[in-house]
């Protein structure tokens, strides 16, 4: 890491953390819509994403592409999306 690097570290309570799984019912193209009470209808929420391929130690799918989050005002939901526009 370069000298002078800075990082914002946020620690949340377990009740504010969750695992979102992309399914056929919550995805469209390169976007997965999050349905969670702490984020629904809240564009001011602070949402970040860390990809994991085996949540809880179970079977999962590895995604080797950059992912990010943004708020979809039309659906009033946060989304996880693949920045390369490849389908989820």
PDB file of N, CA and C in Angstrom:
ATOM      1  N   UNK A   1       0.840  -1.179   0.000  1.00  0.00           N
ATOM      2  CA  UNK A   1       0.000   0.000   0.000  1.00  0.00           C
ATOM      3  C   UNK A   1       0.883   1.239   0.000  1.00  0.00           C
ATOM      4  N   UNK A   2       0.484   2.233  -0.739  1.00  0.00           N
ATOM      5  CA  UNK A   2       1.269   3.465  -0.753  1.00  0.00           C
ATOM      6  C   UNK A   2       1.212   4.170   0.607  1.00  0.00           C
ATOM      7  N   UNK A   3       2.335   4.812   0.986  1.00  0.00           N
ATOM      8  CA  UNK A   3       2.365   5.609   2.209  1.00  0.00           C
ATOM      9  C   UNK A   3       1.321   6.705   2.083  1.00  0.00           C
ATOM     10  N   UNK A   4       0.561   6.934   3.155  1.00  0.00           N
ATOM     11  CA  UNK A   4      -0.473   7.969   3.151  1.00  0.00           C
ATOM     12  C   UNK A   4      -1.841   7.461   2.714  1.00  0.00           C
ATOM     13  N   UNK A   5      -1.956   6.161   2.399  1.00  0.00           N
ATOM     14  CA  UNK A   5      -3.273   5.610   2.039  1.00  0.00           C
ATOM     15  C   UNK A   5      -4.234   5.800   3.196  1.00  0.00           C
ATOM     16  N   UNK A   6      -5.487   6.040   2.871  1.00  0.00           N
ATOM     17  CA  UNK A   6      -6.509   6.213   3.904  1.00  0.00           C
ATOM     18  C   UNK A   6      -7.673   5.292   3.610  1.00  0.00           C
ATOM     19  N   UNK A   7      -8.325   4.841   4.676  1.00  0.00           N
ATOM     20  CA  UNK A   7      -9.438   3.922   4.533  1.00  0.00           C
ATOM     21  C   UNK A   7     -10.547   4.338   5.472  1.00  0.00           C
ATOM     22  N   UNK A   8     -11.766   4.183   5.051  1.00  0.00           N
ATOM     23  CA  UNK A   8     -12.913   4.399   5.922  1.00  0.00           C
ATOM     24  C   UNK A   8     -13.348   3.030   6.411  1.00  0.00           C
ATOM     25  N   UNK A   9     -13.341   2.835   7.706  1.00  0.00           N
ATOM     26  CA  UNK A   9     -13.720   1.560   8.300  1.00  0.00           C
ATOM     27  C   UNK A   9     -15.009   1.756   9.060  1.00  0.00           C
ATOM     28  N   UNK A  10     -16.011   0.953   8.742  1.00  0.00           N
ATOM     29  CA  UNK A  10     -17.302   1.025   9.406  1.00  0.00           C
ATOM     30  C   UNK A  10     -17.595  -0.340   9.999  1.00  0.00           C
ATOM     31  N   UNK A  11     -17.951  -0.362  11.258  1.00  0.00           N
ATOM     32  CA  UNK A  11     -18.322  -1.598  11.924  1.00  0.00           C
ATOM     33  C   UNK A  11     -19.801  -1.497  12.270  1.00  0.00           C
ATOM     34  N   UNK A  12     -20.578  -2.446  11.799  1.00  0.00           N
ATOM     35  CA  UNK A  12     -22.021  -2.421  12.049  1.00  0.00           C
ATOM     36  C   UNK A  12     -22.396  -3.496  13.049  1.00  0.00           C
ATOM     37  N   UNK A  13     -23.571  -3.331  13.603  1.00  0.00           N
ATOM     38  CA  UNK A  13     -24.123  -4.384  14.462  1.00  0.00           C
ATOM     39  C   UNK A  13     -24.570  -5.539  13.564  1.00  0.00           C
ATOM     40  N   UNK A  14     -24.538  -6.740  14.117  1.00  0.00           N
ATOM     41  CA  UNK A  14     -24.965  -7.909  13.338  1.00  0.00           C
ATOM     42  C   UNK A  14     -26.372  -7.732  12.799  1.00  0.00           C
ATOM     43  N   UNK A  15     -27.240  -7.045  13.546  1.00  0.00           N
ATOM     44  CA  UNK A  15     -28.627  -6.866  13.109  1.00  0.00           C
ATOM     45  C   UNK A  15     -28.732  -5.971  11.876  1.00  0.00           C
ATOM     46  N   UNK A  16     -27.657  -5.247  11.532  1.00  0.00           N
ATOM     47  CA  UNK A  16     -27.671  -4.363  10.368  1.00  0.00           C
ATOM     48  C   UNK A  16     -26.935  -4.968   9.176  1.00  0.00           C
ATOM     49  N   UNK A  17     -26.372  -6.132   9.353  1.00  0.00           N
ATOM     50  CA  UNK A  17     -25.647  -6.806   8.283  1.00  0.00           C
ATOM     51  C   UNK A  17     -26.506  -7.947   7.740  1.00  0.00           C
ATOM     52  N   UNK A  18     -26.331  -8.240   6.477  1.00  0.00           N
ATOM     53  CA  UNK A  18     -27.103  -9.341   5.890  1.00  0.00           C
ATOM     54  C   UNK A  18     -26.386  -9.862   4.658  1.00  0.00           C
ATOM     55  N   UNK A  19     -26.770 -11.046   4.247  1.00  0.00           N
ATOM     56  CA  UNK A  19     -26.269 -11.648   3.018  1.00  0.00           C
ATOM     57  C   UNK A  19     -27.386 -11.552   1.990  1.00  0.00           C
ATOM     58  N   UNK A  20     -27.074 -10.966   0.855  1.00  0.00           N
ATOM     59  CA  UNK A  20     -28.038 -10.885  -0.244  1.00  0.00           C
ATOM     60  C   UNK A  20     -27.648 -11.923  -1.284  1.00  0.00           C
ATOM     61  N   UNK A  21     -28.596 -12.739  -1.658  1.00  0.00           N
ATOM     62  CA  UNK A  21     -28.349 -13.754  -2.682  1.00  0.00           C
ATOM     63  C   UNK A  21     -29.099 -13.373  -3.953  1.00  0.00           C
ATOM     64  N   UNK A  22     -28.378 -13.351  -5.061  1.00  0.00           N
ATOM     65  CA  UNK A  22     -29.006 -13.081  -6.350  1.00  0.00           C
ATOM     66  C   UNK A  22     -29.773 -14.323  -6.778  1.00  0.00           C
ATOM     67  N   UNK A  23     -31.045 -14.141  -7.134  1.00  0.00           N
ATOM     68  CA  UNK A  23     -31.891 -15.239  -7.594  1.00  0.00           C
ATOM     69  C   UNK A  23     -32.579 -14.829  -8.890  1.00  0.00           C
ATOM     70  N   UNK A  24     -33.273 -15.756  -9.513  1.00  0.00           N
ATOM     71  CA  UNK A  24     -34.026 -15.413 -10.723  1.00  0.00           C
ATOM     72  C   UNK A  24     -35.115 -14.376 -10.425  1.00  0.00           C
ATOM     73  N   UNK A  25     -35.634 -14.377  -9.189  1.00  0.00           N
ATOM     74  CA  UNK A  25     -36.723 -13.462  -8.833  1.00  0.00           C
ATOM     75  C   UNK A  25     -36.274 -12.045  -8.505  1.00  0.00           C
ATOM     76  N   UNK A  26     -34.985 -11.837  -8.196  1.00  0.00           N
ATOM     77  CA  UNK A  26     -34.567 -10.488  -7.808  1.00  0.00           C
ATOM     78  C   UNK A  26     -33.494  -9.891  -8.712  1.00  0.00           C
ATOM     79  N   UNK A  27     -33.281 -10.492  -9.880  1.00  0.00           N
ATOM     80  CA  UNK A  27     -32.268  -9.974 -10.797  1.00  0.00           C
ATOM     81  C   UNK A  27     -32.858  -9.585 -12.138  1.00  0.00           C
ATOM     82  N   UNK A  28     -32.154  -8.660 -12.783  1.00  0.00           N
ATOM     83  CA  UNK A  28     -32.477  -8.242 -14.137  1.00  0.00           C
ATOM     84  C   UNK A  28     -31.172  -7.805 -14.789  1.00  0.00           C
ATOM     85  N   UNK A  29     -30.767  -8.513 -15.826  1.00  0.00           N
ATOM     86  CA  UNK A  29     -29.513  -8.225 -16.533  1.00  0.00           C
ATOM     87  C   UNK A  29     -28.339  -8.242 -15.551  1.00  0.00           C
ATOM     88  N   UNK A  30     -27.683  -7.092 -15.347  1.00  0.00           N
ATOM     89  CA  UNK A  30     -26.507  -7.024 -14.476  1.00  0.00           C
ATOM     90  C   UNK A  30     -26.831  -6.489 -13.089  1.00  0.00           C
ATOM     91  N   UNK A  31     -28.101  -6.497 -12.703  1.00  0.00           N
ATOM     92  CA  UNK A  31     -28.555  -5.892 -11.449  1.00  0.00           C
ATOM     93  C   UNK A  31     -29.301  -6.911 -10.589  1.00  0.00           C
ATOM     94  N   UNK A  32     -29.018  -6.895  -9.287  1.00  0.00           N
ATOM     95  CA  UNK A  32     -29.789  -7.666  -8.305  1.00  0.00           C
ATOM     96  C   UNK A  32     -30.408  -6.662  -7.331  1.00  0.00           C
ATOM     97  N   UNK A  33     -31.706  -6.706  -7.170  1.00  0.00           N
ATOM     98  CA  UNK A  33     -32.420  -5.776  -6.294  1.00  0.00           C
ATOM     99  C   UNK A  33     -32.439  -6.299  -4.869  1.00  0.00           C
ATOM    100  N   UNK A  34     -32.047  -5.446  -3.928  1.00  0.00           N
ATOM    101  CA  UNK A  34     -31.996  -5.801  -2.510  1.00  0.00           C
ATOM    102  C   UNK A  34     -33.344  -5.479  -1.882  1.00  0.00           C
ATOM    103  N   UNK A  35     -33.915  -6.400  -1.151  1.00  0.00           N
ATOM    104  CA  UNK A  35     -35.162  -6.193  -0.415  1.00  0.00           C
ATOM    105  C   UNK A  35     -34.855  -6.412   1.061  1.00  0.00           C
ATOM    106  N   UNK A  36     -34.602  -5.320   1.787  1.00  0.00           N
ATOM    107  CA  UNK A  36     -34.196  -5.408   3.187  1.00  0.00           C
ATOM    108  C   UNK A  36     -34.733  -4.191   3.930  1.00  0.00           C
ATOM    109  N   UNK A  37     -35.352  -4.360   5.082  1.00  0.00           N
ATOM    110  CA  UNK A  37     -35.996  -3.242   5.788  1.00  0.00           C
ATOM    111  C   UNK A  37     -35.082  -2.059   6.097  1.00  0.00           C
ATOM    112  N   UNK A  38     -33.808  -2.294   6.373  1.00  0.00           N
ATOM    113  CA  UNK A  38     -32.897  -1.195   6.698  1.00  0.00           C
ATOM    114  C   UNK A  38     -32.537  -0.341   5.488  1.00  0.00           C
ATOM    115  N   UNK A  39     -32.797  -0.846   4.270  1.00  0.00           N
ATOM    116  CA  UNK A  39     -32.402  -0.108   3.070  1.00  0.00           C
ATOM    117  C   UNK A  39     -33.561   0.270   2.159  1.00  0.00           C
ATOM    118  N   UNK A  40     -34.678  -0.449   2.231  1.00  0.00           N
ATOM    119  CA  UNK A  40     -35.806  -0.170   1.339  1.00  0.00           C
ATOM    120  C   UNK A  40     -36.302   1.256   1.502  1.00  0.00           C
ATOM    121  N   UNK A  41     -36.415   1.967   0.377  1.00  0.00           N
ATOM    122  CA  UNK A  41     -36.947   3.330   0.387  1.00  0.00           C
ATOM    123  C   UNK A  41     -36.025   4.345   1.043  1.00  0.00           C
ATOM    124  N   UNK A  42     -34.751   3.991   1.222  1.00  0.00           N
ATOM    125  CA  UNK A  42     -33.816   4.874   1.939  1.00  0.00           C
ATOM    126  C   UNK A  42     -32.589   5.178   1.075  1.00  0.00           C
ATOM    127  N   UNK A  43     -32.716   6.157   0.181  1.00  0.00           N
ATOM    128  CA  UNK A  43     -31.565   6.482  -0.664  1.00  0.00           C
ATOM    129  C   UNK A  43     -30.381   7.026   0.132  1.00  0.00           C
ATOM    130  N   UNK A  44     -30.640   7.501   1.354  1.00  0.00           N
ATOM    131  CA  UNK A  44     -29.556   8.036   2.189  1.00  0.00           C
ATOM    132  C   UNK A  44     -28.808   6.947   2.965  1.00  0.00           C
ATOM    133  N   UNK A  45     -29.270   5.708   2.887  1.00  0.00           N
ATOM    134  CA  UNK A  45     -28.601   4.614   3.590  1.00  0.00           C
ATOM    135  C   UNK A  45     -27.170   4.463   3.077  1.00  0.00           C
ATOM    136  N   UNK A  46     -26.311   3.986   3.928  1.00  0.00           N
ATOM    137  CA  UNK A  46     -24.930   3.694   3.532  1.00  0.00           C
ATOM    138  C   UNK A  46     -24.853   2.191   3.284  1.00  0.00           C
ATOM    139  N   UNK A  47     -24.667   1.826   2.041  1.00  0.00           N
ATOM    140  CA  UNK A  47     -24.680   0.422   1.642  1.00  0.00           C
ATOM    141  C   UNK A  47     -23.351   0.102   0.959  1.00  0.00           C
ATOM    142  N   UNK A  48     -22.716  -0.960   1.398  1.00  0.00           N
ATOM    143  CA  UNK A  48     -21.493  -1.408   0.737  1.00  0.00           C
ATOM    144  C   UNK A  48     -21.614  -2.906   0.494  1.00  0.00           C
ATOM    145  N   UNK A  49     -20.795  -3.407  -0.394  1.00  0.00           N
ATOM    146  CA  UNK A  49     -20.887  -4.812  -0.776  1.00  0.00           C
ATOM    147  C   UNK A  49     -19.509  -5.453  -0.744  1.00  0.00           C
ATOM    148  N   UNK A  50     -19.470  -6.662  -0.235  1.00  0.00           N
ATOM    149  CA  UNK A  50     -18.293  -7.512  -0.295  1.00  0.00           C
ATOM    150  C   UNK A  50     -18.752  -8.837  -0.866  1.00  0.00           C
ATOM    151  N   UNK A  51     -18.143  -9.268  -1.934  1.00  0.00           N
ATOM    152  CA  UNK A  51     -18.573 -10.510  -2.560  1.00  0.00           C
ATOM    153  C   UNK A  51     -18.019 -11.722  -1.809  1.00  0.00           C
ATOM    154  N   UNK A  52     -18.891 -12.687  -1.590  1.00  0.00           N
ATOM    155  CA  UNK A  52     -18.477 -13.969  -1.024  1.00  0.00           C
ATOM    156  C   UNK A  52     -19.115 -15.064  -1.860  1.00  0.00           C
ATOM    157  N   UNK A  53     -18.387 -16.144  -2.064  1.00  0.00           N
ATOM    158  CA  UNK A  53     -18.934 -17.201  -2.926  1.00  0.00           C
ATOM    159  C   UNK A  53     -19.523 -18.350  -2.133  1.00  0.00           C
ATOM    160  N   UNK A  54     -19.332 -18.372  -0.818  1.00  0.00           N
ATOM    161  CA  UNK A  54     -19.921 -19.463  -0.029  1.00  0.00           C
ATOM    162  C   UNK A  54     -20.436 -18.924   1.311  1.00  0.00           C
ATOM    163  N   UNK A  55     -21.499 -18.118   1.261  1.00  0.00           N
ATOM    164  CA  UNK A  55     -22.028 -17.541   2.508  1.00  0.00           C
ATOM    165  C   UNK A  55     -22.416 -18.623   3.505  1.00  0.00           C
ATOM    166  N   UNK A  56     -21.953 -18.454   4.731  1.00  0.00           N
ATOM    167  CA  UNK A  56     -22.265 -19.434   5.764  1.00  0.00           C
ATOM    168  C   UNK A  56     -21.574 -20.763   5.560  1.00  0.00           C
ATOM    169  N   UNK A  57     -20.587 -20.807   4.658  1.00  0.00           N
ATOM    170  CA  UNK A  57     -19.873 -22.041   4.389  1.00  0.00           C
ATOM    171  C   UNK A  57     -20.592 -22.948   3.415  1.00  0.00           C
ATOM    172  N   UNK A  58     -21.707 -22.493   2.851  1.00  0.00           N
ATOM    173  CA  UNK A  58     -22.470 -23.308   1.914  1.00  0.00           C
ATOM    174  C   UNK A  58     -21.933 -23.223   0.505  1.00  0.00           C
ATOM    175  N   UNK A  59     -22.682 -23.768  -0.405  1.00  0.00           N
ATOM    176  CA  UNK A  59     -22.319 -23.758  -1.812  1.00  0.00           C
ATOM    177  C   UNK A  59     -22.712 -22.407  -2.396  1.00  0.00           C
ATOM    178  N   UNK A  60     -21.865 -21.861  -3.237  1.00  0.00           N
ATOM    179  CA  UNK A  60     -22.160 -20.579  -3.852  1.00  0.00           C
ATOM    180  C   UNK A  60     -21.561 -20.496  -5.236  1.00  0.00           C
ATOM    181  N   UNK A  61     -21.645 -19.303  -5.808  1.00  0.00           N
ATOM    182  CA  UNK A  61     -21.125 -19.053  -7.148  1.00  0.00           C
ATOM    183  C   UNK A  61     -20.071 -17.957  -7.047  1.00  0.00           C
ATOM    184  N   UNK A  62     -18.886 -18.209  -7.595  1.00  0.00           N
ATOM    185  CA  UNK A  62     -17.813 -17.231  -7.571  1.00  0.00           C
ATOM    186  C   UNK A  62     -18.030 -16.219  -8.688  1.00  0.00           C
ATOM    187  N   UNK A  63     -17.980 -14.931  -8.355  1.00  0.00           N
ATOM    188  CA  UNK A  63     -18.131 -13.857  -9.331  1.00  0.00           C
ATOM    189  C   UNK A  63     -16.800 -13.132  -9.443  1.00  0.00           C
ATOM    190  N   UNK A  64     -16.136 -13.252 -10.555  1.00  0.00           N
ATOM    191  CA  UNK A  64     -14.821 -12.656 -10.756  1.00  0.00           C
ATOM    192  C   UNK A  64     -14.920 -11.306 -11.474  1.00  0.00           C
ATOM    193  N   UNK A  65     -15.944 -10.530 -11.163  1.00  0.00           N
ATOM    194  CA  UNK A  65     -16.148  -9.241 -11.806  1.00  0.00           C
ATOM    195  C   UNK A  65     -16.418  -8.182 -10.753  1.00  0.00           C
ATOM    196  N   UNK A  66     -16.033  -6.931 -11.028  1.00  0.00           N
ATOM    197  CA  UNK A  66     -16.293  -5.856 -10.054  1.00  0.00           C
ATOM    198  C   UNK A  66     -17.791  -5.662  -9.827  1.00  0.00           C
ATOM    199  N   UNK A  67     -18.161  -5.480  -8.580  1.00  0.00           N
ATOM    200  CA  UNK A  67     -19.561  -5.228  -8.222  1.00  0.00           C
ATOM    201  C   UNK A  67     -19.626  -3.949  -7.394  1.00  0.00           C
ATOM    202  N   UNK A  68     -20.745  -3.270  -7.469  1.00  0.00           N
ATOM    203  CA  UNK A  68     -20.955  -2.030  -6.719  1.00  0.00           C
ATOM    204  C   UNK A  68     -22.424  -1.949  -6.338  1.00  0.00           C
ATOM    205  N   UNK A  69     -22.797  -0.898  -5.631  1.00  0.00           N
ATOM    206  CA  UNK A  69     -24.193  -0.688  -5.241  1.00  0.00           C
ATOM    207  C   UNK A  69     -24.652   0.696  -5.671  1.00  0.00           C
ATOM    208  N   UNK A  70     -25.951   0.821  -5.910  1.00  0.00           N
ATOM    209  CA  UNK A  70     -26.562   2.121  -6.187  1.00  0.00           C
ATOM    210  C   UNK A  70     -28.048   2.020  -5.877  1.00  0.00           C
ATOM    211  N   UNK A  71     -28.668   3.162  -5.650  1.00  0.00           N
ATOM    212  CA  UNK A  71     -30.091   3.203  -5.320  1.00  0.00           C
ATOM    213  C   UNK A  71     -30.896   3.358  -6.598  1.00  0.00           C
ATOM    214  N   UNK A  72     -31.940   2.538  -6.744  1.00  0.00           N
ATOM    215  CA  UNK A  72     -32.856   2.626  -7.874  1.00  0.00           C
ATOM    216  C   UNK A  72     -34.097   3.358  -7.389  1.00  0.00           C
ATOM    217  N   UNK A  73     -34.238   4.621  -7.769  1.00  0.00           N
ATOM    218  CA  UNK A  73     -35.341   5.452  -7.278  1.00  0.00           C
ATOM    219  C   UNK A  73     -36.697   4.935  -7.754  1.00  0.00           C
ATOM    220  N   UNK A  74     -36.774   4.359  -8.941  1.00  0.00           N
ATOM    221  CA  UNK A  74     -38.035   3.850  -9.463  1.00  0.00           C
ATOM    222  C   UNK A  74     -38.619   2.730  -8.626  1.00  0.00           C
ATOM    223  N   UNK A  75     -37.763   1.860  -8.144  1.00  0.00           N
ATOM    224  CA  UNK A  75     -38.197   0.729  -7.304  1.00  0.00           C
ATOM    225  C   UNK A  75     -38.007   1.000  -5.815  1.00  0.00           C
ATOM    226  N   UNK A  76     -37.355   2.111  -5.497  1.00  0.00           N
ATOM    227  CA  UNK A  76     -37.026   2.456  -4.112  1.00  0.00           C
ATOM    228  C   UNK A  76     -36.279   1.314  -3.422  1.00  0.00           C
ATOM    229  N   UNK A  77     -35.319   0.766  -4.149  1.00  0.00           N
ATOM    230  CA  UNK A  77     -34.496  -0.332  -3.648  1.00  0.00           C
ATOM    231  C   UNK A  77     -33.044  -0.072  -4.014  1.00  0.00           C
ATOM    232  N   UNK A  78     -32.160  -0.524  -3.145  1.00  0.00           N
ATOM    233  CA  UNK A  78     -30.749  -0.543  -3.472  1.00  0.00           C
ATOM    234  C   UNK A  78     -30.499  -1.742  -4.376  1.00  0.00           C
ATOM    235  N   UNK A  79     -29.486  -1.634  -5.199  1.00  0.00           N
ATOM    236  CA  UNK A  79     -29.125  -2.720  -6.096  1.00  0.00           C
ATOM    237  C   UNK A  79     -27.640  -3.034  -5.966  1.00  0.00           C
ATOM    238  N   UNK A  80     -27.312  -4.286  -6.224  1.00  0.00           N
ATOM    239  CA  UNK A  80     -25.933  -4.704  -6.447  1.00  0.00           C
ATOM    240  C   UNK A  80     -25.836  -4.888  -7.947  1.00  0.00           C
ATOM    241  N   UNK A  81     -24.800  -4.333  -8.552  1.00  0.00           N
ATOM    242  CA  UNK A  81     -24.697  -4.480 -10.000  1.00  0.00           C
ATOM    243  C   UNK A  81     -23.264  -4.791 -10.408  1.00  0.00           C
ATOM    244  N   UNK A  82     -23.159  -5.476 -11.528  1.00  0.00           N
ATOM    245  CA  UNK A  82     -21.849  -5.799 -12.077  1.00  0.00           C
ATOM    246  C   UNK A  82     -21.419  -4.639 -12.962  1.00  0.00           C
ATOM    247  N   UNK A  83     -20.271  -4.067 -12.638  1.00  0.00           N
ATOM    248  CA  UNK A  83     -19.798  -2.869 -13.323  1.00  0.00           C
ATOM    249  C   UNK A  83     -19.415  -3.121 -14.778  1.00  0.00           C
ATOM    250  N   UNK A  84     -19.205  -4.355 -15.153  1.00  0.00           N
ATOM    251  CA  UNK A  84     -18.864  -4.656 -16.548  1.00  0.00           C
ATOM    252  C   UNK A  84     -20.110  -4.920 -17.397  1.00  0.00           C
ATOM    253  N   UNK A  85     -21.291  -4.781 -16.791  1.00  0.00           N
ATOM    254  CA  UNK A  85     -22.599  -4.963 -17.442  1.00  0.00           C
ATOM    255  C   UNK A  85     -22.893  -6.401 -17.851  1.00  0.00           C
ATOM    256  N   UNK A  86     -22.073  -7.353 -17.444  1.00  0.00           N
ATOM    257  CA  UNK A  86     -22.362  -8.760 -17.708  1.00  0.00           C
ATOM    258  C   UNK A  86     -23.545  -9.189 -16.848  1.00  0.00           C
ATOM    259  N   UNK A  87     -24.357 -10.126 -17.314  1.00  0.00           N
ATOM    260  CA  UNK A  87     -25.502 -10.582 -16.516  1.00  0.00           C
ATOM    261  C   UNK A  87     -25.085 -11.182 -15.190  1.00  0.00           C
ATOM    262  N   UNK A  88     -25.937 -10.982 -14.197  1.00  0.00           N
ATOM    263  CA  UNK A  88     -25.697 -11.616 -12.888  1.00  0.00           C
ATOM    264  C   UNK A  88     -26.205 -13.039 -12.975  1.00  0.00           C
TER     265      UNK A  88
END
